[in-house]
Amino acid sequence: MNALEIEFDAESMTSVSITQYAVESDQSIEAVWEHLWSWETARLRMSLLERALTIMSGDVTGLESTV
């Protein structure tokens, strides 16, 4: 688990209730949304980097489009 999975007690941002988390953590909805979106952006970047590294290594079997 990474730090954000632990913080939000979830495997992805889609399983987090932004409004509930905002109330429970005494944060604005906007602040929670930005924090969650940075988590999703980091996950997407990692996925794209892993895909690029796989292509560069010549092991392109089983690749799926991320789009």
PDB file of N, CA and C in Angstrom:
ATOM      1  N   MET A   1       0.842  -1.195   0.000  1.00  0.00           N
ATOM      2  CA  MET A   1       0.000   0.000   0.000  1.00  0.00           C
ATOM      3  C   MET A   1       0.878   1.245   0.000  1.00  0.00           C
ATOM      4  N   ASN A   2       0.427   2.248  -0.736  1.00  0.00           N
ATOM      5  CA  ASN A   2       1.166   3.497  -0.687  1.00  0.00           C
ATOM      6  C   ASN A   2       0.535   4.426   0.353  1.00  0.00           C
ATOM      7  N   ALA A   3       1.159   5.550   0.577  1.00  0.00           N
ATOM      8  CA  ALA A   3       0.719   6.466   1.631  1.00  0.00           C
ATOM      9  C   ALA A   3      -0.712   6.959   1.422  1.00  0.00           C
ATOM     10  N   LEU A   4      -1.096   7.245   0.168  1.00  0.00           N
ATOM     11  CA  LEU A   4      -2.448   7.741  -0.080  1.00  0.00           C
ATOM     12  C   LEU A   4      -3.494   6.647   0.099  1.00  0.00           C
ATOM     13  N   GLU A   5      -3.168   5.413  -0.256  1.00  0.00           N
ATOM     14  CA  GLU A   5      -4.092   4.305  -0.003  1.00  0.00           C
ATOM     15  C   GLU A   5      -4.330   4.162   1.494  1.00  0.00           C
ATOM     16  N   ILE A   6      -3.286   4.335   2.268  1.00  0.00           N
ATOM     17  CA  ILE A   6      -3.407   4.251   3.726  1.00  0.00           C
ATOM     18  C   ILE A   6      -4.193   5.441   4.259  1.00  0.00           C
ATOM     19  N   GLU A   7      -3.850   6.637   3.790  1.00  0.00           N
ATOM     20  CA  GLU A   7      -4.532   7.853   4.270  1.00  0.00           C
ATOM     21  C   GLU A   7      -6.032   7.797   4.008  1.00  0.00           C
ATOM     22  N   PHE A   8      -6.420   7.403   2.810  1.00  0.00           N
ATOM     23  CA  PHE A   8      -7.828   7.386   2.440  1.00  0.00           C
ATOM     24  C   PHE A   8      -8.500   6.038   2.710  1.00  0.00           C
ATOM     25  N   ASP A   9      -7.723   5.041   3.149  1.00  0.00           N
ATOM     26  CA  ASP A   9      -8.233   3.706   3.402  1.00  0.00           C
ATOM     27  C   ASP A   9      -9.023   3.199   2.197  1.00  0.00           C
ATOM     28  N   ALA A  10      -8.382   3.322   1.020  1.00  0.00           N
ATOM     29  CA  ALA A  10      -9.022   2.924  -0.237  1.00  0.00           C
ATOM     30  C   ALA A  10      -7.951   2.536  -1.244  1.00  0.00           C
ATOM     31  N   GLU A  11      -8.360   1.716  -2.221  1.00  0.00           N
ATOM     32  CA  GLU A  11      -7.425   1.299  -3.255  1.00  0.00           C
ATOM     33  C   GLU A  11      -7.377   2.270  -4.428  1.00  0.00           C
ATOM     34  N   SER A  12      -8.410   3.083  -4.586  1.00  0.00           N
ATOM     35  CA  SER A  12      -8.418   4.073  -5.661  1.00  0.00           C
ATOM     36  C   SER A  12      -9.275   5.254  -5.243  1.00  0.00           C
ATOM     37  N   MET A  13      -9.106   6.347  -5.980  1.00  0.00           N
ATOM     38  CA  MET A  13      -9.842   7.558  -5.624  1.00  0.00           C
ATOM     39  C   MET A  13     -11.343   7.405  -5.845  1.00  0.00           C
ATOM     40  N   THR A  14     -11.734   6.490  -6.715  1.00  0.00           N
ATOM     41  CA  THR A  14     -13.160   6.321  -6.996  1.00  0.00           C
ATOM     42  C   THR A  14     -13.927   5.704  -5.840  1.00  0.00           C
ATOM     43  N   SER A  15     -13.227   5.104  -4.907  1.00  0.00           N
ATOM     44  CA  SER A  15     -13.907   4.515  -3.755  1.00  0.00           C
ATOM     45  C   SER A  15     -13.899   5.425  -2.534  1.00  0.00           C
ATOM     46  N   VAL A  16     -13.544   6.684  -2.726  1.00  0.00           N
ATOM     47  CA  VAL A  16     -13.515   7.653  -1.633  1.00  0.00           C
ATOM     48  C   VAL A  16     -14.668   8.638  -1.807  1.00  0.00           C
ATOM     49  N   SER A  17     -15.426   8.840  -0.759  1.00  0.00           N
ATOM     50  CA  SER A  17     -16.465   9.873  -0.767  1.00  0.00           C
ATOM     51  C   SER A  17     -15.794  11.196  -0.411  1.00  0.00           C
ATOM     52  N   ILE A  18     -15.716  12.068  -1.397  1.00  0.00           N
ATOM     53  CA  ILE A  18     -15.023  13.347  -1.180  1.00  0.00           C
ATOM     54  C   ILE A  18     -15.701  14.153  -0.084  1.00  0.00           C
ATOM     55  N   THR A  19     -17.017  14.245  -0.123  1.00  0.00           N
ATOM     56  CA  THR A  19     -17.710  15.046   0.887  1.00  0.00           C
ATOM     57  C   THR A  19     -17.564  14.450   2.276  1.00  0.00           C
ATOM     58  N   GLN A  20     -17.689  13.136   2.381  1.00  0.00           N
ATOM     59  CA  GLN A  20     -17.541  12.493   3.690  1.00  0.00           C
ATOM     60  C   GLN A  20     -16.130  12.676   4.228  1.00  0.00           C
ATOM     61  N   TYR A  21     -15.132  12.470   3.364  1.00  0.00           N
ATOM     62  CA  TYR A  21     -13.745  12.630   3.818  1.00  0.00           C
ATOM     63  C   TYR A  21     -13.470  14.084   4.218  1.00  0.00           C
ATOM     64  N   ALA A  22     -14.033  15.032   3.476  1.00  0.00           N
ATOM     65  CA  ALA A  22     -13.839  16.453   3.801  1.00  0.00           C
ATOM     66  C   ALA A  22     -14.396  16.774   5.182  1.00  0.00           C
ATOM     67  N   VAL A  23     -15.567  16.270   5.486  1.00  0.00           N
ATOM     68  CA  VAL A  23     -16.175  16.510   6.796  1.00  0.00           C
ATOM     69  C   VAL A  23     -15.352  15.852   7.894  1.00  0.00           C
ATOM     70  N   GLU A  24     -14.984  14.587   7.673  1.00  0.00           N
ATOM     71  CA  GLU A  24     -14.242  13.840   8.694  1.00  0.00           C
ATOM     72  C   GLU A  24     -12.845  14.407   8.948  1.00  0.00           C
ATOM     73  N   SER A  25     -12.240  14.994   7.922  1.00  0.00           N
ATOM     74  CA  SER A  25     -10.873  15.506   8.076  1.00  0.00           C
ATOM     75  C   SER A  25     -10.825  17.022   8.246  1.00  0.00           C
ATOM     76  N   ASP A  26     -11.993  17.648   8.332  1.00  0.00           N
ATOM     77  CA  ASP A  26     -12.100  19.105   8.501  1.00  0.00           C
ATOM     78  C   ASP A  26     -11.339  19.852   7.402  1.00  0.00           C
ATOM     79  N   GLN A  27     -11.542  19.412   6.164  1.00  0.00           N
ATOM     80  CA  GLN A  27     -10.935  20.056   5.004  1.00  0.00           C
ATOM     81  C   GLN A  27     -12.046  20.483   4.052  1.00  0.00           C
ATOM     82  N   SER A  28     -11.709  21.383   3.159  1.00  0.00           N
ATOM     83  CA  SER A  28     -12.687  21.775   2.145  1.00  0.00           C
ATOM     84  C   SER A  28     -12.817  20.657   1.118  1.00  0.00           C
ATOM     85  N   ILE A  29     -13.961  20.617   0.453  1.00  0.00           N
ATOM     86  CA  ILE A  29     -14.178  19.633  -0.605  1.00  0.00           C
ATOM     87  C   ILE A  29     -13.139  19.833  -1.707  1.00  0.00           C
ATOM     88  N   GLU A  30     -12.849  21.082  -2.024  1.00  0.00           N
ATOM     89  CA  GLU A  30     -11.858  21.376  -3.063  1.00  0.00           C
ATOM     90  C   GLU A  30     -10.475  20.829  -2.692  1.00  0.00           C
ATOM     91  N   ALA A  31     -10.072  21.007  -1.442  1.00  0.00           N
ATOM     92  CA  ALA A  31      -8.758  20.518  -1.003  1.00  0.00           C
ATOM     93  C   ALA A  31      -8.684  18.998  -1.102  1.00  0.00           C
ATOM     94  N   VAL A  32      -9.747  18.325  -0.689  1.00  0.00           N
ATOM     95  CA  VAL A  32      -9.771  16.861  -0.764  1.00  0.00           C
ATOM     96  C   VAL A  32      -9.747  16.422  -2.216  1.00  0.00           C
ATOM     97  N   TRP A  33     -10.545  17.062  -3.074  1.00  0.00           N
ATOM     98  CA  TRP A  33     -10.577  16.709  -4.490  1.00  0.00           C
ATOM     99  C   TRP A  33      -9.196  16.873  -5.114  1.00  0.00           C
ATOM    100  N   GLU A  34      -8.514  17.989  -4.826  1.00  0.00           N
ATOM    101  CA  GLU A  34      -7.176  18.214  -5.388  1.00  0.00           C
ATOM    102  C   GLU A  34      -6.197  17.140  -4.908  1.00  0.00           C
ATOM    103  N   HIS A  35      -6.301  16.763  -3.652  1.00  0.00           N
ATOM    104  CA  HIS A  35      -5.423  15.732  -3.100  1.00  0.00           C
ATOM    105  C   HIS A  35      -5.697  14.382  -3.774  1.00  0.00           C
ATOM    106  N   LEU A  36      -6.970  14.048  -3.926  1.00  0.00           N
ATOM    107  CA  LEU A  36      -7.335  12.801  -4.603  1.00  0.00           C
ATOM    108  C   LEU A  36      -6.904  12.820  -6.062  1.00  0.00           C
ATOM    109  N   TRP A  37      -7.075  13.946  -6.725  1.00  0.00           N
ATOM    110  CA  TRP A  37      -6.703  14.026  -8.127  1.00  0.00           C
ATOM    111  C   TRP A  37      -5.192  13.892  -8.290  1.00  0.00           C
ATOM    112  N   SER A  38      -4.413  14.404  -7.360  1.00  0.00           N
ATOM    113  CA  SER A  38      -2.956  14.241  -7.444  1.00  0.00           C
ATOM    114  C   SER A  38      -2.595  12.763  -7.298  1.00  0.00           C
ATOM    115  N   TRP A  39      -3.352  12.034  -6.495  1.00  0.00           N
ATOM    116  CA  TRP A  39      -3.151  10.603  -6.332  1.00  0.00           C
ATOM    117  C   TRP A  39      -3.411   9.897  -7.660  1.00  0.00           C
ATOM    118  N   GLU A  40      -4.535  10.208  -8.301  1.00  0.00           N
ATOM    119  CA  GLU A  40      -4.862   9.560  -9.568  1.00  0.00           C
ATOM    120  C   GLU A  40      -3.849   9.926 -10.646  1.00  0.00           C
ATOM    121  N   THR A  41      -3.400  11.176 -10.664  1.00  0.00           N
ATOM    122  CA  THR A  41      -2.400  11.614 -11.633  1.00  0.00           C
ATOM    123  C   THR A  41      -1.093  10.840 -11.441  1.00  0.00           C
ATOM    124  N   ALA A  42      -0.682  10.661 -10.199  1.00  0.00           N
ATOM    125  CA  ALA A  42       0.541   9.908  -9.915  1.00  0.00           C
ATOM    126  C   ALA A  42       0.396   8.462 -10.364  1.00  0.00           C
ATOM    127  N   ARG A  43      -0.769   7.863 -10.134  1.00  0.00           N
ATOM    128  CA  ARG A  43      -0.992   6.479 -10.568  1.00  0.00           C
ATOM    129  C   ARG A  43      -0.937   6.369 -12.092  1.00  0.00           C
ATOM    130  N   LEU A  44      -1.525   7.328 -12.778  1.00  0.00           N
ATOM    131  CA  LEU A  44      -1.512   7.323 -14.235  1.00  0.00           C
ATOM    132  C   LEU A  44      -0.086   7.480 -14.761  1.00  0.00           C
ATOM    133  N   ARG A  45       0.664   8.400 -14.176  1.00  0.00           N
ATOM    134  CA  ARG A  45       2.053   8.597 -14.597  1.00  0.00           C
ATOM    135  C   ARG A  45       2.884   7.340 -14.395  1.00  0.00           C
ATOM    136  N   MET A  46       2.690   6.665 -13.265  1.00  0.00           N
ATOM    137  CA  MET A  46       3.425   5.417 -13.010  1.00  0.00           C
ATOM    138  C   MET A  46       3.072   4.373 -14.052  1.00  0.00           C
ATOM    139  N   SER A  47       1.806   4.274 -14.370  1.00  0.00           N
ATOM    140  CA  SER A  47       1.365   3.303 -15.367  1.00  0.00           C
ATOM    141  C   SER A  47       1.976   3.598 -16.732  1.00  0.00           C
ATOM    142  N   LEU A  48       1.967   4.862 -17.126  1.00  0.00           N
ATOM    143  CA  LEU A  48       2.543   5.242 -18.413  1.00  0.00           C
ATOM    144  C   LEU A  48       4.054   5.007 -18.435  1.00  0.00           C
ATOM    145  N   LEU A  49       4.729   5.305 -17.341  1.00  0.00           N
ATOM    146  CA  LEU A  49       6.176   5.078 -17.262  1.00  0.00           C
ATOM    147  C   LEU A  49       6.494   3.590 -17.350  1.00  0.00           C
ATOM    148  N   GLU A  50       5.746   2.779 -16.626  1.00  0.00           N
ATOM    149  CA  GLU A  50       5.965   1.337 -16.686  1.00  0.00           C
ATOM    150  C   GLU A  50       5.745   0.819 -18.105  1.00  0.00           C
ATOM    151  N   ARG A  51       4.738   1.332 -18.767  1.00  0.00           N
ATOM    152  CA  ARG A  51       4.459   0.911 -20.147  1.00  0.00           C
ATOM    153  C   ARG A  51       5.609   1.317 -21.071  1.00  0.00           C
ATOM    154  N   ALA A  52       6.085   2.543 -20.920  1.00  0.00           N
ATOM    155  CA  ALA A  52       7.190   3.016 -21.755  1.00  0.00           C
ATOM    156  C   ALA A  52       8.446   2.197 -21.509  1.00  0.00           C
ATOM    157  N   LEU A  53       8.731   1.880 -20.264  1.00  0.00           N
ATOM    158  CA  LEU A  53       9.913   1.080 -19.944  1.00  0.00           C
ATOM    159  C   LEU A  53       9.788  -0.328 -20.505  1.00  0.00           C
ATOM    160  N   THR A  54       8.589  -0.878 -20.487  1.00  0.00           N
ATOM    161  CA  THR A  54       8.364  -2.210 -21.050  1.00  0.00           C
ATOM    162  C   THR A  54       8.614  -2.192 -22.552  1.00  0.00           C
ATOM    163  N   ILE A  55       8.119  -1.161 -23.212  1.00  0.00           N
ATOM    164  CA  ILE A  55       8.316  -1.040 -24.661  1.00  0.00           C
ATOM    165  C   ILE A  55       9.805  -0.882 -24.970  1.00  0.00           C
ATOM    166  N   MET A  56      10.495  -0.072 -24.177  1.00  0.00           N
ATOM    167  CA  MET A  56      11.923   0.155 -24.402  1.00  0.00           C
ATOM    168  C   MET A  56      12.729  -1.127 -24.187  1.00  0.00           C
ATOM    169  N   SER A  57      12.282  -1.975 -23.277  1.00  0.00           N
ATOM    170  CA  SER A  57      13.016  -3.203 -23.002  1.00  0.00           C
ATOM    171  C   SER A  57      12.736  -4.279 -24.044  1.00  0.00           C
ATOM    172  N   GLY A  58      11.778  -4.017 -24.919  1.00  0.00           N
ATOM    173  CA  GLY A  58      11.452  -4.974 -25.970  1.00  0.00           C
ATOM    174  C   GLY A  58      10.435  -6.010 -25.561  1.00  0.00           C
ATOM    175  N   ASP A  59       9.977  -5.974 -24.325  1.00  0.00           N
ATOM    176  CA  ASP A  59       8.968  -6.920 -23.855  1.00  0.00           C
ATOM    177  C   ASP A  59       7.594  -6.304 -24.028  1.00  0.00           C
ATOM    178  N   VAL A  60       7.044  -6.422 -25.218  1.00  0.00           N
ATOM    179  CA  VAL A  60       5.769  -5.768 -25.520  1.00  0.00           C
ATOM    180  C   VAL A  60       4.593  -6.738 -25.524  1.00  0.00           C
ATOM    181  N   THR A  61       4.768  -7.941 -25.036  1.00  0.00           N
ATOM    182  CA  THR A  61       3.664  -8.894 -24.992  1.00  0.00           C
ATOM    183  C   THR A  61       2.692  -8.507 -23.884  1.00  0.00           C
ATOM    184  N   GLY A  62       1.432  -8.569 -24.198  1.00  0.00           N
ATOM    185  CA  GLY A  62       0.402  -8.320 -23.191  1.00  0.00           C
ATOM    186  C   GLY A  62       0.153  -6.872 -22.871  1.00  0.00           C
ATOM    187  N   LEU A  63       0.669  -5.950 -23.668  1.00  0.00           N
ATOM    188  CA  LEU A  63       0.419  -4.545 -23.408  1.00  0.00           C
ATOM    189  C   LEU A  63      -1.002  -4.183 -23.775  1.00  0.00           C
ATOM    190  N   GLU A  64      -1.624  -3.362 -22.945  1.00  0.00           N
ATOM    191  CA  GLU A  64      -2.959  -2.877 -23.229  1.00  0.00           C
ATOM    192  C   GLU A  64      -2.902  -1.363 -23.292  1.00  0.00           C
ATOM    193  N   SER A  65      -3.771  -0.800 -24.077  1.00  0.00           N
ATOM    194  CA  SER A  65      -3.845   0.649 -24.184  1.00  0.00           C
ATOM    195  C   SER A  65      -4.331   1.232 -22.869  1.00  0.00           C
ATOM    196  N   THR A  66      -3.716   2.341 -22.433  1.00  0.00           N
ATOM    197  CA  THR A  66      -4.154   2.992 -21.200  1.00  0.00           C
ATOM    198  C   THR A  66      -5.205   4.041 -21.486  1.00  0.00           C
ATOM    199  N   VAL A  67      -5.547   4.227 -22.742  1.00  0.00           N
ATOM    200  CA  VAL A  67      -6.519   5.249 -23.112  1.00  0.00           C
ATOM    201  C   VAL A  67      -7.848   4.608 -23.397  1.00  0.00           C
TER     202      VAL A  67
END
